[in-house]
Amino acid sequence: VWMLLAPTRRGEEGKDVAVPAKVEATARSLQGQRIDIVMRELRTPDGLIDNVGTFSITPPDTLQFNVQVTAENEPTRTLEFTREVAK
């Protein structure tokens, strides 16, 4: 089982504040397998907000992630990145 962590913050590093947001994530393997990652919000005792999702793959593989973040009254922002998963 693998984990994707997406904290949602606004502001300068060290002075940032938590921002509630809808986070949707998918990954695609090199073989074209689509992985829907169900994200859920976690609030820490110190008031921060993290969004976490888990998924399963069989390494080794290379995954292309697409993460969409929509904060209240803000346009949706998309983050795309690739991650190699070693055996």
C-alpha atoms as a PDB file:
ATOM      1  CA  VAL A   1       0.000   0.000   0.000  1.00  0.00           C
ATOM      2  CA  TRP A   2       1.296   3.441  -0.954  1.00  0.00           C
ATOM      3  CA  MET A   3       0.241   6.867   0.319  1.00  0.00           C
ATOM      4  CA  LEU A   4      -0.219  10.245  -1.343  1.00  0.00           C
ATOM      5  CA  LEU A   5      -0.110  13.245   1.024  1.00  0.00           C
ATOM      6  CA  ALA A   6      -1.355  16.656  -0.131  1.00  0.00           C
ATOM      7  CA  PRO A   7      -1.231  19.394   2.514  1.00  0.00           C
ATOM      8  CA  THR A   8      -3.342  22.450   1.667  1.00  0.00           C
ATOM      9  CA  ARG A   9      -1.775  25.704   2.853  1.00  0.00           C
ATOM     10  CA  ARG A  10      -1.658  29.352   1.806  1.00  0.00           C
ATOM     11  CA  GLY A  11       1.057  31.930   2.466  1.00  0.00           C
ATOM     12  CA  GLU A  12       4.787  32.062   2.949  1.00  0.00           C
ATOM     13  CA  GLU A  13       6.539  28.964   4.226  1.00  0.00           C
ATOM     14  CA  GLY A  14       6.692  29.150   7.998  1.00  0.00           C
ATOM     15  CA  LYS A  15       3.815  31.667   8.049  1.00  0.00           C
ATOM     16  CA  ASP A  16       1.359  29.584   6.037  1.00  0.00           C
ATOM     17  CA  VAL A  17      -2.167  28.804   7.171  1.00  0.00           C
ATOM     18  CA  ALA A  18      -4.361  25.787   6.573  1.00  0.00           C
ATOM     19  CA  VAL A  19      -6.921  26.028   3.786  1.00  0.00           C
ATOM     20  CA  PRO A  20      -9.820  23.578   3.465  1.00  0.00           C
ATOM     21  CA  ALA A  21      -9.940  22.264  -0.102  1.00  0.00           C
ATOM     22  CA  LYS A  22     -11.391  19.523  -2.247  1.00  0.00           C
ATOM     23  CA  VAL A  23      -8.538  17.306  -3.447  1.00  0.00           C
ATOM     24  CA  GLU A  24      -8.930  14.757  -6.246  1.00  0.00           C
ATOM     25  CA  ALA A  25      -6.071  12.551  -7.413  1.00  0.00           C
ATOM     26  CA  THR A  26      -5.350   9.927 -10.030  1.00  0.00           C
ATOM     27  CA  ALA A  27      -2.240   8.108 -11.161  1.00  0.00           C
ATOM     28  CA  ARG A  28      -1.409   6.280 -14.367  1.00  0.00           C
ATOM     29  CA  SER A  29       1.148   3.512 -14.708  1.00  0.00           C
ATOM     30  CA  LEU A  30       3.443   3.129 -17.716  1.00  0.00           C
ATOM     31  CA  GLN A  31       1.175   0.280 -18.856  1.00  0.00           C
ATOM     32  CA  GLY A  32      -1.759   2.720 -18.925  1.00  0.00           C
ATOM     33  CA  GLN A  33      -3.503   1.463 -15.785  1.00  0.00           C
ATOM     34  CA  ARG A  34      -5.524   4.290 -14.204  1.00  0.00           C
ATOM     35  CA  ILE A  35      -5.527   4.425 -10.415  1.00  0.00           C
ATOM     36  CA  ASP A  36      -8.213   6.534  -8.725  1.00  0.00           C
ATOM     37  CA  ILE A  37      -6.900   7.722  -5.362  1.00  0.00           C
ATOM     38  CA  VAL A  38      -9.651   8.523  -2.874  1.00  0.00           C
ATOM     39  CA  MET A  39      -8.450  11.477  -0.806  1.00  0.00           C
ATOM     40  CA  ARG A  40      -9.713  12.295   2.670  1.00  0.00           C
ATOM     41  CA  GLU A  41      -9.111  15.313   4.857  1.00  0.00           C
ATOM     42  CA  LEU A  42      -7.175  14.978   8.101  1.00  0.00           C
ATOM     43  CA  ARG A  43      -6.975  17.843  10.589  1.00  0.00           C
ATOM     44  CA  THR A  44      -4.009  17.901  12.941  1.00  0.00           C
ATOM     45  CA  PRO A  45      -4.295  19.014  16.587  1.00  0.00           C
ATOM     46  CA  ASP A  46      -2.345  22.182  15.754  1.00  0.00           C
ATOM     47  CA  GLY A  47      -4.899  23.249  13.125  1.00  0.00           C
ATOM     48  CA  LEU A  48      -3.205  22.112   9.908  1.00  0.00           C
ATOM     49  CA  ILE A  49      -5.077  20.291   7.152  1.00  0.00           C
ATOM     50  CA  ASP A  50      -3.657  17.385   5.200  1.00  0.00           C
ATOM     51  CA  ASN A  51      -5.358  15.344   2.515  1.00  0.00           C
ATOM     52  CA  VAL A  52      -4.303  11.717   2.315  1.00  0.00           C
ATOM     53  CA  GLY A  53      -5.107   8.830   0.010  1.00  0.00           C
ATOM     54  CA  THR A  54      -3.812   5.284  -0.273  1.00  0.00           C
ATOM     55  CA  PHE A  55      -3.509   2.998  -3.281  1.00  0.00           C
ATOM     56  CA  SER A  56      -1.919  -0.285  -4.286  1.00  0.00           C
ATOM     57  CA  ILE A  57       0.580  -1.029  -7.058  1.00  0.00           C
ATOM     58  CA  THR A  58       3.154  -3.706  -7.740  1.00  0.00           C
ATOM     59  CA  PRO A  59       6.648  -2.230  -7.998  1.00  0.00           C
ATOM     60  CA  PRO A  60       8.711  -1.521  -9.912  1.00  0.00           C
ATOM     61  CA  ASP A  61       6.690   1.022 -11.865  1.00  0.00           C
ATOM     62  CA  THR A  62       6.617   4.654 -12.857  1.00  0.00           C
ATOM     63  CA  LEU A  63       3.468   6.583 -12.021  1.00  0.00           C
ATOM     64  CA  GLN A  64       2.220   9.825 -13.514  1.00  0.00           C
ATOM     65  CA  PHE A  65       0.126  11.681 -10.924  1.00  0.00           C
ATOM     66  CA  ASN A  66      -2.565  14.286 -11.509  1.00  0.00           C
ATOM     67  CA  VAL A  67      -3.759  16.131  -8.392  1.00  0.00           C
ATOM     68  CA  GLN A  68      -6.508  18.751  -8.559  1.00  0.00           C
ATOM     69  CA  VAL A  69      -6.993  21.105  -5.620  1.00  0.00           C
ATOM     70  CA  THR A  70      -9.983  23.410  -5.292  1.00  0.00           C
ATOM     71  CA  ALA A  71     -10.063  25.768  -2.310  1.00  0.00           C
ATOM     72  CA  GLU A  72     -13.206  27.770  -1.531  1.00  0.00           C
ATOM     73  CA  ASN A  73     -13.656  30.772  -3.859  1.00  0.00           C
ATOM     74  CA  GLU A  74     -10.485  29.815  -5.787  1.00  0.00           C
ATOM     75  CA  PRO A  75      -9.952  28.314  -9.230  1.00  0.00           C
ATOM     76  CA  THR A  76      -8.929  24.663  -9.392  1.00  0.00           C
ATOM     77  CA  ARG A  77      -5.172  24.199  -9.453  1.00  0.00           C
ATOM     78  CA  THR A  78      -3.567  21.134 -11.009  1.00  0.00           C
ATOM     79  CA  LEU A  79      -0.283  19.525 -10.037  1.00  0.00           C
ATOM     80  CA  GLU A  80       1.225  16.878 -12.308  1.00  0.00           C
ATOM     81  CA  PHE A  81       4.338  14.903 -11.471  1.00  0.00           C
ATOM     82  CA  THR A  82       6.000  11.557 -12.137  1.00  0.00           C
ATOM     83  CA  ARG A  83       7.342   9.210  -9.466  1.00  0.00           C
ATOM     84  CA  GLU A  84       9.430   6.075  -9.914  1.00  0.00           C
ATOM     85  CA  VAL A  85       8.563   3.298  -7.495  1.00  0.00           C
ATOM     86  CA  ALA A  86      11.509   0.988  -6.900  1.00  0.00           C
ATOM     87  CA  LYS A  87      11.186  -2.703  -6.104  1.00  0.00           C
END
